Amino acid sequence: MGTLPCRPPISITAMNPGGTMNSTPYSSYDLDQQRRQLETLVRPQPSPSLIRVLQQAGHAMVRFLTNGQDPVIRKRWHPDGLVWRVYDPVTQQNQRFSSEAELRVWLEGRYYE
């Protein structure tokens, strides 16, 4: 991990509510970090509905480009262990397998049907 360049502190002078001047030393690094944090706060964030629409459009595009005939396989952890969940778009049914070997047997059988 590289070290940050050492810069001399910058003195910031601000007016106190009583009209007196207050001087506080800050390094350039501190000021840059604060600037980045402020920019993150004011950067416009996409709305949740826009994100949802974009996700749905992306899923539709993937289905279109992949012909929609391939099974969708998801691996999940459940209290009873690792489980493979499969959606078969041809039959429009969900399958659940408790081992990878079972899943492979089902996939091979599906291929030869």
Protein backbone atom coordinates (compact mmCIF):
# COMPACT_ATOMS: atom_id res chain seq x y z
CA MET A 1 0.00 0.00 0.00
CA GLY A 2 1.51 3.35 -1.02
CA THR A 3 1.88 6.26 1.29
CA LEU A 4 0.13 9.52 0.69
CA PRO A 5 2.28 12.52 -0.11
CA CYS A 6 2.87 14.68 2.91
CA ARG A 7 1.62 18.19 2.29
CA PRO A 8 1.87 21.07 4.68
CA PRO A 9 -1.38 21.85 6.48
CA ILE A 10 -3.58 24.58 5.10
CA SER A 11 -5.00 27.11 7.50
CA ILE A 12 -8.70 27.84 7.05
CA THR A 13 -9.93 31.12 8.46
CA ALA A 14 -13.61 31.44 9.25
CA MET A 15 -15.76 34.11 10.83
CA ASN A 16 -17.29 33.09 14.17
CA PRO A 17 -20.85 34.17 15.02
CA GLY A 18 -19.40 36.80 17.38
CA GLY A 19 -17.51 38.42 14.50
CA THR A 20 -14.07 37.10 15.52
CA MET A 21 -11.82 35.15 13.16
CA ASN A 22 -11.05 31.48 13.81
CA SER A 23 -8.14 29.72 12.09
CA THR A 24 -8.02 25.91 11.89
CA PRO A 25 -5.28 23.85 10.20
CA TYR A 26 -6.43 21.23 7.66
CA SER A 27 -4.29 19.14 5.34
CA SER A 28 -5.01 19.02 1.61
CA TYR A 29 -5.87 15.35 2.02
CA ASP A 30 -8.54 16.17 4.64
CA LEU A 31 -10.03 18.83 2.40
CA ASP A 32 -10.05 16.50 -0.63
CA GLN A 33 -11.73 13.78 1.42
CA GLN A 34 -14.39 16.19 2.68
CA ARG A 35 -14.98 17.45 -0.87
CA ARG A 36 -15.50 13.88 -2.14
CA GLN A 37 -17.95 13.15 0.68
CA LEU A 38 -19.93 16.31 -0.10
CA GLU A 39 -19.97 15.51 -3.83
CA THR A 40 -21.33 12.04 -3.02
CA LEU A 41 -24.13 13.59 -0.97
CA VAL A 42 -25.25 16.00 -3.69
CA ARG A 43 -24.80 13.61 -6.63
CA PRO A 44 -28.25 12.76 -8.02
CA GLN A 45 -29.27 9.17 -7.23
CA PRO A 46 -31.58 7.22 -9.55
CA SER A 47 -35.03 6.61 -8.12
CA PRO A 48 -35.95 3.09 -6.99
CA SER A 49 -38.62 2.89 -9.72
CA LEU A 50 -36.05 3.75 -12.41
CA ILE A 51 -33.72 1.07 -11.07
CA ARG A 52 -36.58 -1.46 -11.13
CA VAL A 53 -37.50 -0.56 -14.73
CA LEU A 54 -33.88 -0.86 -15.84
CA GLN A 55 -33.53 -4.26 -14.11
CA GLN A 56 -36.69 -5.54 -15.78
CA ALA A 57 -35.50 -4.28 -19.18
CA GLY A 58 -32.16 -5.99 -18.63
CA HIS A 59 -33.82 -9.29 -17.71
CA ALA A 60 -36.09 -9.07 -20.76
CA MET A 61 -33.09 -8.42 -23.01
CA VAL A 62 -31.21 -11.41 -21.59
CA ARG A 63 -34.26 -13.64 -22.12
CA PHE A 64 -34.59 -12.39 -25.71
CA LEU A 65 -30.90 -12.85 -26.52
CA THR A 66 -30.66 -16.31 -24.93
CA ASN A 67 -33.74 -17.66 -26.68
CA GLY A 68 -35.47 -18.20 -23.33
CA GLN A 69 -35.26 -22.02 -23.55
CA ASP A 70 -32.35 -22.57 -21.17
CA PRO A 71 -33.11 -23.40 -17.54
CA VAL A 72 -32.31 -20.77 -14.94
CA ILE A 73 -30.26 -22.28 -12.10
CA ARG A 74 -29.78 -20.62 -8.72
CA LYS A 75 -27.74 -21.97 -5.84
CA ARG A 76 -29.10 -21.03 -2.40
CA TRP A 77 -28.24 -21.75 1.22
CA HIS A 78 -31.17 -23.01 3.28
CA PRO A 79 -31.29 -24.26 6.88
CA ASP A 80 -31.18 -27.83 5.54
CA GLY A 81 -28.04 -27.09 3.47
CA LEU A 82 -27.18 -26.08 -0.06
CA VAL A 83 -30.08 -26.27 -2.53
CA TRP A 84 -30.21 -25.82 -6.30
CA ARG A 85 -33.40 -24.21 -7.59
CA VAL A 86 -34.12 -24.50 -11.30
CA TYR A 87 -36.77 -22.82 -13.43
CA ASP A 88 -37.51 -24.61 -16.69
CA PRO A 89 -39.00 -22.13 -19.21
CA VAL A 90 -40.08 -24.96 -21.52
CA THR A 91 -42.41 -26.53 -18.94
CA GLN A 92 -42.73 -23.33 -16.87
CA GLN A 93 -42.06 -25.33 -13.70
CA ASN A 94 -39.65 -24.97 -10.79
CA GLN A 95 -37.48 -27.82 -9.58
CA ARG A 96 -35.47 -28.15 -6.37
CA PHE A 97 -32.40 -30.37 -5.96
CA SER A 98 -30.39 -31.10 -2.85
CA SER A 99 -27.23 -32.15 -4.70
CA GLU A 100 -25.37 -31.14 -7.80
CA ALA A 101 -25.41 -34.76 -9.00
CA GLU A 102 -29.24 -34.80 -8.93
CA LEU A 103 -29.29 -31.54 -10.86
CA ARG A 104 -26.92 -32.93 -13.53
CA VAL A 105 -29.06 -36.06 -13.98
CA TRP A 106 -32.16 -33.90 -14.44
CA LEU A 107 -30.36 -31.62 -16.92
CA GLU A 108 -29.15 -34.55 -18.99
CA GLY A 109 -32.62 -36.08 -19.02
CA ARG A 110 -34.10 -32.77 -20.08
CA TYR A 111 -31.61 -32.56 -22.96
CA TYR A 112 -32.65 -35.96 -24.35
CA GLU A 113 -36.41 -35.37 -24.06
